[in-house]
């Protein structure tokens, strides 16, 4: 479980957070109709992905503190 967190789930969550952040910033910078429809949704998705990443990091820290490898 710890290996899956370290090498798959946490990097995936961080990558998702980064992707939503970049798409949201691009949307805001571009403006227009696309920004009106998607900027807020993209930033909400980023916050959700960031929450998942933080939760996974906390879970990993907890598991390692209990004597995990």
C-alpha atoms as a PDB file:
ATOM      1  CA  UNK A   1       0.000   0.000   0.000  1.00  0.00           C
ATOM      2  CA  UNK A   2       2.788   2.435   0.891  1.00  0.00           C
ATOM      3  CA  UNK A   3       4.577   1.744  -2.393  1.00  0.00           C
ATOM      4  CA  UNK A   4       1.399   2.410  -4.373  1.00  0.00           C
ATOM      5  CA  UNK A   5       0.956   5.703  -2.513  1.00  0.00           C
ATOM      6  CA  UNK A   6       4.557   6.784  -3.014  1.00  0.00           C
ATOM      7  CA  UNK A   7       5.021   5.825  -6.636  1.00  0.00           C
ATOM      8  CA  UNK A   8       1.570   6.005  -8.191  1.00  0.00           C
ATOM      9  CA  UNK A   9      -1.256   7.707  -6.313  1.00  0.00           C
ATOM     10  CA  UNK A  10       0.562  10.746  -4.915  1.00  0.00           C
ATOM     11  CA  UNK A  11       2.374  11.590  -8.183  1.00  0.00           C
ATOM     12  CA  UNK A  12      -0.898  11.128 -10.066  1.00  0.00           C
ATOM     13  CA  UNK A  13      -2.734  13.488  -7.707  1.00  0.00           C
ATOM     14  CA  UNK A  14       0.045  16.083  -7.991  1.00  0.00           C
ATOM     15  CA  UNK A  15       0.017  15.774 -11.776  1.00  0.00           C
ATOM     16  CA  UNK A  16      -3.774  16.230 -11.850  1.00  0.00           C
ATOM     17  CA  UNK A  17      -3.489  19.306  -9.613  1.00  0.00           C
ATOM     18  CA  UNK A  18      -0.827  20.787 -11.876  1.00  0.00           C
ATOM     19  CA  UNK A  19      -2.820  20.038 -15.028  1.00  0.00           C
ATOM     20  CA  UNK A  20      -5.975  21.695 -13.665  1.00  0.00           C
ATOM     21  CA  UNK A  21      -3.931  24.680 -12.491  1.00  0.00           C
ATOM     22  CA  UNK A  22      -2.276  25.182 -15.885  1.00  0.00           C
ATOM     23  CA  UNK A  23      -5.576  24.773 -17.745  1.00  0.00           C
ATOM     24  CA  UNK A  24      -7.284  27.211 -15.367  1.00  0.00           C
ATOM     25  CA  UNK A  25      -4.575  29.836 -15.719  1.00  0.00           C
ATOM     26  CA  UNK A  26      -4.616  29.426 -19.496  1.00  0.00           C
ATOM     27  CA  UNK A  27      -8.389  29.812 -19.500  1.00  0.00           C
ATOM     28  CA  UNK A  28      -8.199  32.978 -17.429  1.00  0.00           C
ATOM     29  CA  UNK A  29      -5.448  34.413 -19.624  1.00  0.00           C
ATOM     30  CA  UNK A  30      -7.256  33.584 -22.850  1.00  0.00           C
ATOM     31  CA  UNK A  31     -10.547  35.070 -21.732  1.00  0.00           C
ATOM     32  CA  UNK A  32     -13.624  35.061 -23.901  1.00  0.00           C
ATOM     33  CA  UNK A  33     -16.401  32.496 -24.003  1.00  0.00           C
ATOM     34  CA  UNK A  34     -14.183  29.569 -23.013  1.00  0.00           C
ATOM     35  CA  UNK A  35     -13.075  31.360 -19.857  1.00  0.00           C
ATOM     36  CA  UNK A  36     -16.635  32.275 -18.937  1.00  0.00           C
ATOM     37  CA  UNK A  37     -17.732  28.650 -19.174  1.00  0.00           C
ATOM     38  CA  UNK A  38     -14.728  26.854 -17.739  1.00  0.00           C
ATOM     39  CA  UNK A  39     -12.433  28.950 -15.523  1.00  0.00           C
ATOM     40  CA  UNK A  40     -14.400  28.490 -12.309  1.00  0.00           C
ATOM     41  CA  UNK A  41     -14.959  24.765 -12.981  1.00  0.00           C
ATOM     42  CA  UNK A  42     -11.257  24.222 -13.628  1.00  0.00           C
ATOM     43  CA  UNK A  43     -10.223  26.009 -10.446  1.00  0.00           C
ATOM     44  CA  UNK A  44     -12.760  24.008  -8.422  1.00  0.00           C
ATOM     45  CA  UNK A  45     -11.379  20.820  -9.932  1.00  0.00           C
ATOM     46  CA  UNK A  46      -7.879  21.981  -8.979  1.00  0.00           C
ATOM     47  CA  UNK A  47      -8.937  22.521  -5.374  1.00  0.00           C
ATOM     48  CA  UNK A  48     -10.492  19.042  -5.271  1.00  0.00           C
ATOM     49  CA  UNK A  49      -7.383  17.424  -6.778  1.00  0.00           C
ATOM     50  CA  UNK A  50      -5.189  19.345  -4.347  1.00  0.00           C
ATOM     51  CA  UNK A  51      -7.309  18.140  -1.407  1.00  0.00           C
ATOM     52  CA  UNK A  52      -6.891  14.549  -2.584  1.00  0.00           C
ATOM     53  CA  UNK A  53      -3.121  15.028  -2.911  1.00  0.00           C
ATOM     54  CA  UNK A  54      -2.852  16.470   0.610  1.00  0.00           C
ATOM     55  CA  UNK A  55      -5.022  13.667   2.030  1.00  0.00           C
ATOM     56  CA  UNK A  56      -2.819  11.048   0.368  1.00  0.00           C
ATOM     57  CA  UNK A  57       0.324  12.715   1.716  1.00  0.00           C
ATOM     58  CA  UNK A  58      -1.163  12.721   5.214  1.00  0.00           C
ATOM     59  CA  UNK A  59      -2.130   9.064   4.848  1.00  0.00           C
ATOM     60  CA  UNK A  60       1.414   8.215   3.751  1.00  0.00           C
ATOM     61  CA  UNK A  61       2.888  10.117   6.703  1.00  0.00           C
ATOM     62  CA  UNK A  62       0.532   8.280   9.078  1.00  0.00           C
ATOM     63  CA  UNK A  63       1.384   4.877   7.626  1.00  0.00           C
ATOM     64  CA  UNK A  64       5.117   5.577   7.760  1.00  0.00           C
ATOM     65  CA  UNK A  65       4.861   6.766  11.373  1.00  0.00           C
ATOM     66  CA  UNK A  66       3.266   3.452  12.302  1.00  0.00           C
ATOM     67  CA  UNK A  67       6.346   1.567  11.197  1.00  0.00           C
ATOM     68  CA  UNK A  68       5.820   1.192   7.473  1.00  0.00           C
ATOM     69  CA  UNK A  69       8.710   0.850   5.069  1.00  0.00           C
END
